[in-house]
Protein backbone atom coordinates (compact mmCIF):
# COMPACT_ATOMS: atom_id res chain seq x y z
CA MET A 1 -3.36 -2.39 -32.87
CA PRO A 2 -4.47 -0.99 -29.50
CA THR A 3 -4.01 -3.12 -26.42
CA THR A 4 -7.17 -4.41 -24.74
CA ALA A 5 -8.48 -5.66 -21.41
CA ALA A 6 -8.08 -9.20 -22.80
CA ASP A 7 -4.38 -8.46 -23.38
CA VAL A 8 -4.05 -7.21 -19.79
CA ARG A 9 -5.66 -10.38 -18.45
CA SER A 10 -3.55 -12.69 -20.62
CA ILE A 11 -0.24 -11.00 -19.82
CA ALA A 12 -0.94 -10.48 -16.12
CA LEU A 13 -2.00 -14.10 -15.61
CA SER A 14 1.14 -15.31 -17.38
CA LEU A 15 3.32 -13.81 -14.63
CA PRO A 16 4.47 -16.17 -11.86
CA GLU A 17 1.96 -16.90 -9.10
CA THR A 18 -0.56 -14.34 -10.36
CA SER A 19 -4.26 -14.72 -9.71
CA GLU A 20 -7.33 -12.74 -10.70
CA LYS A 21 -9.87 -11.62 -8.11
CA LEU A 22 -12.81 -9.24 -8.31
CA ALA A 23 -12.56 -6.23 -6.01
CA TRP A 24 -14.82 -3.19 -6.10
CA GLY A 25 -16.59 -4.95 -8.97
CA GLN A 26 -13.44 -4.87 -11.12
CA PRO A 27 -10.90 -7.54 -12.08
CA THR A 28 -7.69 -7.19 -10.09
CA PHE A 29 -4.47 -9.11 -10.58
CA ARG A 30 -2.48 -10.16 -7.54
CA VAL A 31 0.79 -11.75 -6.61
CA ALA A 32 1.23 -13.06 -3.06
CA GLY A 33 -2.13 -11.48 -2.24
CA LYS A 34 -1.01 -7.98 -3.29
CA ILE A 35 -2.72 -6.14 -6.13
CA PHE A 36 -0.35 -5.09 -8.89
CA ALA A 37 -2.90 -4.28 -11.61
CA ALA A 38 -6.61 -3.62 -11.93
CA LEU A 39 -8.80 -3.08 -14.95
CA GLY A 40 -10.90 0.06 -14.99
CA ASP A 41 -14.68 -0.17 -15.08
CA ASP A 42 -14.62 0.79 -18.76
CA ASP A 43 -12.07 -1.90 -19.78
CA ALA A 44 -10.18 0.95 -21.51
CA THR A 45 -7.88 1.75 -18.59
CA MET A 46 -5.93 -0.07 -15.93
CA GLY A 47 -4.24 0.86 -12.71
CA VAL A 48 -0.73 -0.32 -11.85
CA LYS A 49 1.72 0.13 -9.01
CA CYS A 50 4.05 3.08 -9.51
CA PRO A 51 6.22 4.84 -6.95
CA ILE A 52 4.60 8.18 -6.10
CA GLU A 53 7.89 9.98 -6.80
CA ASP A 54 7.90 8.66 -10.41
CA ARG A 55 4.29 9.47 -11.35
CA ALA A 56 4.59 13.17 -12.20
CA GLU A 57 7.46 12.56 -14.62
CA LEU A 58 5.61 9.75 -16.40
CA ILE A 59 2.41 11.78 -16.67
CA ALA A 60 4.29 14.86 -17.91
CA SER A 61 6.23 12.87 -20.50
CA GLU A 62 3.24 10.92 -21.86
CA PRO A 63 -0.07 12.41 -20.66
CA GLN A 64 -1.95 10.57 -23.40
CA LYS A 65 -0.93 7.27 -21.72
CA PHE A 66 -0.62 7.95 -18.01
CA PHE A 67 -2.82 9.75 -15.46
CA VAL A 68 -4.12 9.66 -11.91
CA ARG A 69 -7.61 10.22 -10.61
CA PRO A 70 -7.26 13.32 -8.42
CA GLY A 71 -8.62 12.75 -4.95
CA HIS A 72 -8.55 9.00 -5.43
CA ASP A 73 -4.94 8.08 -6.28
CA ASP A 74 -3.16 10.96 -4.51
CA ALA A 75 -1.87 9.03 -1.49
CA TYR A 76 -1.25 5.71 -3.24
CA ALA A 77 1.65 4.34 -5.29
CA TRP A 78 -0.73 3.89 -8.21
CA LEU A 79 -0.85 5.10 -11.80
CA ARG A 80 -3.61 4.84 -14.41
CA VAL A 81 -2.88 3.75 -17.99
CA ARG A 82 -5.00 4.27 -21.11
CA LEU A 83 -4.75 0.93 -22.88
CA ALA A 84 -5.38 2.25 -26.39
CA ALA A 85 -2.49 4.72 -25.99
CA LEU A 86 0.10 2.00 -25.40
CA ASP A 87 2.27 1.27 -28.43
CA ASP A 88 1.79 -2.51 -28.41
CA THR A 89 1.62 -5.60 -26.21
CA ALA A 90 5.39 -5.36 -25.61
CA GLU A 91 4.89 -1.99 -23.90
CA LEU A 92 1.89 -3.37 -21.98
CA THR A 93 4.04 -6.32 -20.87
CA ALA A 94 6.78 -3.96 -19.67
CA VAL A 95 4.29 -1.92 -17.63
CA LEU A 96 2.71 -5.02 -16.09
CA VAL A 97 6.05 -6.69 -15.31
CA ASP A 98 7.29 -3.52 -13.61
CA SER A 99 4.14 -3.35 -11.49
CA TRP A 100 4.27 -7.09 -10.72
CA ARG A 101 7.90 -6.73 -9.64
CA GLN A 102 6.94 -4.03 -7.13
CA ALA A 103 4.35 -6.30 -5.49
CA ALA A 104 6.01 -9.73 -5.83
CA PRO A 105 8.08 -11.21 -3.04
CA ARG A 106 11.80 -11.25 -3.80
CA ARG A 107 11.79 -15.06 -4.14
CA LEU A 108 9.68 -14.71 -7.32
CA HIS A 109 11.79 -12.08 -9.09
CA SER A 110 13.98 -14.65 -10.81
CA ALA A 111 10.87 -16.55 -11.99
CA HIS A 112 10.28 -13.98 -14.72
CA PRO A 113 13.10 -13.05 -17.11
CA GLY A 114 12.40 -9.32 -16.99
CA ALA A 115 11.42 -9.20 -13.37
CA ALA A 116 14.70 -9.40 -11.47
CA ARG A 117 15.68 -6.04 -10.00
CA PRO A 118 19.15 -4.81 -10.77
CA PRO A 119 21.38 -4.74 -7.66
CA SER A 120 21.33 -0.92 -7.73
CA GLU A 121 17.59 -1.04 -6.95
CA GLY A 122 18.21 -2.91 -3.76
CA GLY A 123 16.24 -5.91 -4.94
């Protein structure tokens, strides 16, 4: 079953110290005031944090799932995700947790089982 905007909201808000706030007319999800996910205006896509150096590989490996909006996302550590292309809510959770981890202060990393960065990542 395809993942939905309701799944994004439910999973994002389950992460430690996450809040929802409208920005640019769209729901955004924040930790410590930093956006880590945002629903697209069609509720069929979301944006998440992603290191710029990792985007091209993700898009090339799964273009049906991942994309950027040229001219809009170019200079930002941001990646777009087609919700219906995700395998299931487990994959959606993994994407959201990874994005949350990039925005969350270090003190929160241990508050989510999958959120602690391995020592090799400098976290």
